[in-house]
Amino acid sequence: MEERMTPEQYRRLALDLPGAVEGSHMGHPDFRVGGRIFATIWKGNGVLMLKPDQQGRLMKSLPGVYSPVKGGWGKKGSTTVHLDVADMRSVREGLLLAWRNKTPEELNLDRRH
């Protein structure tokens, strides 16, 4: 069984993506590419900026790992990553989707349209 994620491991995975930098948003760490936030850490969990269809696919394939953020943001695709039940593979998959959503064309050569 693969070890579960910590916020520090989540941070390292996010910062390993090309062009990713750490910033701060409303008092908690965020991860940006091209100046746009693609992920954050909030209350010990990850949050990803996904599209609603991506959120639905991840929730279906990895129930319990991913869930919508409460309220309107969740309906727009903001997704909680429950790090206490997530593993590296599932987190990397979600981070990559969120990164691709926000990455400028010049950095994201393999973006799917």
C-alpha atoms as a PDB file:
ATOM      1  CA  MET A   1       0.000   0.000   0.000  1.00  0.00           C
ATOM      2  CA  GLU A   2       1.348   3.405  -0.975  1.00  0.00           C
ATOM      3  CA  GLU A   3       2.033   5.985   1.749  1.00  0.00           C
ATOM      4  CA  ARG A   4      -0.575   8.708   2.155  1.00  0.00           C
ATOM      5  CA  MET A   5       0.160  12.305   1.244  1.00  0.00           C
ATOM      6  CA  THR A   6       1.176  15.153   3.515  1.00  0.00           C
ATOM      7  CA  PRO A   7       0.754  18.858   2.742  1.00  0.00           C
ATOM      8  CA  GLU A   8       4.539  19.105   2.311  1.00  0.00           C
ATOM      9  CA  GLN A   9       4.552  16.299  -0.278  1.00  0.00           C
ATOM     10  CA  TYR A  10       1.643  17.995  -2.064  1.00  0.00           C
ATOM     11  CA  ARG A  11       3.665  21.243  -2.084  1.00  0.00           C
ATOM     12  CA  ARG A  12       6.688  19.494  -3.606  1.00  0.00           C
ATOM     13  CA  LEU A  13       4.581  17.803  -6.317  1.00  0.00           C
ATOM     14  CA  ALA A  14       2.982  21.132  -7.248  1.00  0.00           C
ATOM     15  CA  LEU A  15       6.342  22.923  -7.391  1.00  0.00           C
ATOM     16  CA  ASP A  16       7.845  20.147  -9.545  1.00  0.00           C
ATOM     17  CA  LEU A  17       5.569  21.175 -12.421  1.00  0.00           C
ATOM     18  CA  PRO A  18       7.238  23.404 -15.044  1.00  0.00           C
ATOM     19  CA  GLY A  19       6.947  27.107 -14.277  1.00  0.00           C
ATOM     20  CA  ALA A  20       5.192  26.557 -10.925  1.00  0.00           C
ATOM     21  CA  VAL A  21       5.884  28.996  -8.101  1.00  0.00           C
ATOM     22  CA  GLU A  22       4.521  29.278  -4.576  1.00  0.00           C
ATOM     23  CA  GLY A  23       2.592  32.329  -3.460  1.00  0.00           C
ATOM     24  CA  SER A  24      -0.035  33.126  -0.876  1.00  0.00           C
ATOM     25  CA  HIS A  25      -3.765  33.668  -1.245  1.00  0.00           C
ATOM     26  CA  MET A  26      -6.000  34.690   1.657  1.00  0.00           C
ATOM     27  CA  GLY A  27      -3.377  33.554   4.162  1.00  0.00           C
ATOM     28  CA  HIS A  28      -2.681  30.100   2.780  1.00  0.00           C
ATOM     29  CA  PRO A  29      -0.127  28.744   0.275  1.00  0.00           C
ATOM     30  CA  ASP A  30      -1.007  28.659  -3.380  1.00  0.00           C
ATOM     31  CA  PHE A  31       0.741  27.412  -6.492  1.00  0.00           C
ATOM     32  CA  ARG A  32       0.743  29.418  -9.678  1.00  0.00           C
ATOM     33  CA  VAL A  33       1.848  29.090 -13.242  1.00  0.00           C
ATOM     34  CA  GLY A  34       2.010  32.145 -15.488  1.00  0.00           C
ATOM     35  CA  GLY A  35       0.571  34.166 -12.587  1.00  0.00           C
ATOM     36  CA  ARG A  36      -2.576  32.014 -12.354  1.00  0.00           C
ATOM     37  CA  ILE A  37      -3.452  29.858  -9.337  1.00  0.00           C
ATOM     38  CA  PHE A  38      -3.838  26.161 -10.155  1.00  0.00           C
ATOM     39  CA  ALA A  39      -3.698  24.699  -6.626  1.00  0.00           C
ATOM     40  CA  THR A  40      -3.700  25.660  -2.952  1.00  0.00           C
ATOM     41  CA  ILE A  41      -3.297  24.137   0.485  1.00  0.00           C
ATOM     42  CA  TRP A  42      -6.260  24.773   2.762  1.00  0.00           C
ATOM     43  CA  LYS A  43      -6.761  23.339   6.262  1.00  0.00           C
ATOM     44  CA  GLY A  44      -4.367  20.453   5.661  1.00  0.00           C
ATOM     45  CA  ASN A  45      -5.893  19.437   2.323  1.00  0.00           C
ATOM     46  CA  GLY A  46      -5.119  20.284  -1.266  1.00  0.00           C
ATOM     47  CA  VAL A  47      -7.456  22.280  -3.482  1.00  0.00           C
ATOM     48  CA  LEU A  48      -7.315  22.103  -7.276  1.00  0.00           C
ATOM     49  CA  MET A  49      -8.741  24.505  -9.838  1.00  0.00           C
ATOM     50  CA  LEU A  50     -10.412  22.018 -12.168  1.00  0.00           C
ATOM     51  CA  LYS A  51     -13.183  22.192 -14.711  1.00  0.00           C
ATOM     52  CA  PRO A  52     -16.488  20.667 -13.561  1.00  0.00           C
ATOM     53  CA  ASP A  53     -16.183  17.708 -15.964  1.00  0.00           C
ATOM     54  CA  GLN A  54     -12.630  16.990 -14.722  1.00  0.00           C
ATOM     55  CA  GLN A  55     -13.853  17.178 -11.130  1.00  0.00           C
ATOM     56  CA  GLY A  56     -16.619  14.679 -11.907  1.00  0.00           C
ATOM     57  CA  ARG A  57     -14.233  12.216 -13.564  1.00  0.00           C
ATOM     58  CA  LEU A  58     -11.790  12.315 -10.636  1.00  0.00           C
ATOM     59  CA  MET A  59     -14.563  11.943  -8.072  1.00  0.00           C
ATOM     60  CA  LYS A  60     -15.933   8.933  -9.966  1.00  0.00           C
ATOM     61  CA  SER A  61     -12.555   7.232 -10.422  1.00  0.00           C
ATOM     62  CA  LEU A  62     -11.200   8.063  -6.940  1.00  0.00           C
ATOM     63  CA  PRO A  63     -14.157   8.379  -4.559  1.00  0.00           C
ATOM     64  CA  GLY A  64     -13.167   9.726  -1.176  1.00  0.00           C
ATOM     65  CA  VAL A  65      -9.968  11.299  -2.492  1.00  0.00           C
ATOM     66  CA  TYR A  66     -11.646  14.144  -4.399  1.00  0.00           C
ATOM     67  CA  SER A  67     -14.767  16.153  -3.536  1.00  0.00           C
ATOM     68  CA  PRO A  68     -16.148  19.560  -4.512  1.00  0.00           C
ATOM     69  CA  VAL A  69     -15.160  22.527  -2.369  1.00  0.00           C
ATOM     70  CA  LYS A  70     -18.225  23.601  -0.400  1.00  0.00           C
ATOM     71  CA  GLY A  71     -20.427  26.270  -1.951  1.00  0.00           C
ATOM     72  CA  GLY A  72     -20.365  27.909  -5.333  1.00  0.00           C
ATOM     73  CA  TRP A  73     -16.647  27.449  -5.956  1.00  0.00           C
ATOM     74  CA  GLY A  74     -17.118  23.684  -5.880  1.00  0.00           C
ATOM     75  CA  LYS A  75     -19.874  23.878  -8.481  1.00  0.00           C
ATOM     76  CA  LYS A  76     -17.422  25.699 -10.755  1.00  0.00           C
ATOM     77  CA  GLY A  77     -14.807  22.940 -10.404  1.00  0.00           C
ATOM     78  CA  SER A  78     -12.769  23.841  -7.314  1.00  0.00           C
ATOM     79  CA  THR A  79     -11.940  20.460  -5.838  1.00  0.00           C
ATOM     80  CA  THR A  80     -10.705  19.325  -2.438  1.00  0.00           C
ATOM     81  CA  VAL A  81      -7.982  16.672  -2.379  1.00  0.00           C
ATOM     82  CA  HIS A  82      -8.304  14.732   0.882  1.00  0.00           C
ATOM     83  CA  LEU A  83      -4.607  14.165   1.494  1.00  0.00           C
ATOM     84  CA  ASP A  84      -5.190  11.757   4.385  1.00  0.00           C
ATOM     85  CA  VAL A  85      -6.610   9.201   1.916  1.00  0.00           C
ATOM     86  CA  ALA A  86      -4.738  10.234  -1.242  1.00  0.00           C
ATOM     87  CA  ASP A  87      -1.596   8.713  -2.695  1.00  0.00           C
ATOM     88  CA  MET A  88       1.122  10.210  -4.894  1.00  0.00           C
ATOM     89  CA  ARG A  89      -0.321   8.872  -8.146  1.00  0.00           C
ATOM     90  CA  SER A  90      -3.825  10.233  -7.583  1.00  0.00           C
ATOM     91  CA  VAL A  91      -2.557  13.622  -6.409  1.00  0.00           C
ATOM     92  CA  ARG A  92      -0.117  13.924  -9.310  1.00  0.00           C
ATOM     93  CA  GLU A  93      -2.976  13.202 -11.738  1.00  0.00           C
ATOM     94  CA  GLY A  94      -5.143  15.971 -10.284  1.00  0.00           C
ATOM     95  CA  LEU A  95      -2.312  18.491 -10.050  1.00  0.00           C
ATOM     96  CA  LEU A  96      -1.377  17.905 -13.666  1.00  0.00           C
ATOM     97  CA  LEU A  97      -4.966  18.555 -14.812  1.00  0.00           C
ATOM     98  CA  ALA A  98      -5.162  21.779 -12.796  1.00  0.00           C
ATOM     99  CA  TRP A  99      -1.719  22.909 -14.008  1.00  0.00           C
ATOM    100  CA  ARG A 100      -2.704  22.304 -17.647  1.00  0.00           C
ATOM    101  CA  ASN A 101      -5.877  24.342 -17.153  1.00  0.00           C
ATOM    102  CA  LYS A 102      -3.893  27.416 -16.092  1.00  0.00           C
ATOM    103  CA  THR A 103      -0.615  27.080 -17.984  1.00  0.00           C
ATOM    104  CA  PRO A 104       0.180  29.607 -20.727  1.00  0.00           C
ATOM    105  CA  GLU A 105       0.464  28.024 -24.168  1.00  0.00           C
ATOM    106  CA  GLU A 106       4.235  28.566 -24.358  1.00  0.00           C
ATOM    107  CA  LEU A 107       4.799  26.384 -21.274  1.00  0.00           C
ATOM    108  CA  ASN A 108       2.132  23.799 -21.977  1.00  0.00           C
ATOM    109  CA  LEU A 109       3.178  22.275 -25.266  1.00  0.00           C
ATOM    110  CA  ASP A 110       1.091  19.143 -24.768  1.00  0.00           C
ATOM    111  CA  ARG A 111      -2.183  20.935 -23.889  1.00  0.00           C
ATOM    112  CA  ARG A 112      -5.204  19.107 -25.273  1.00  0.00           C
ATOM    113  CA  HIS A 113      -7.862  21.336 -26.866  1.00  0.00           C
END
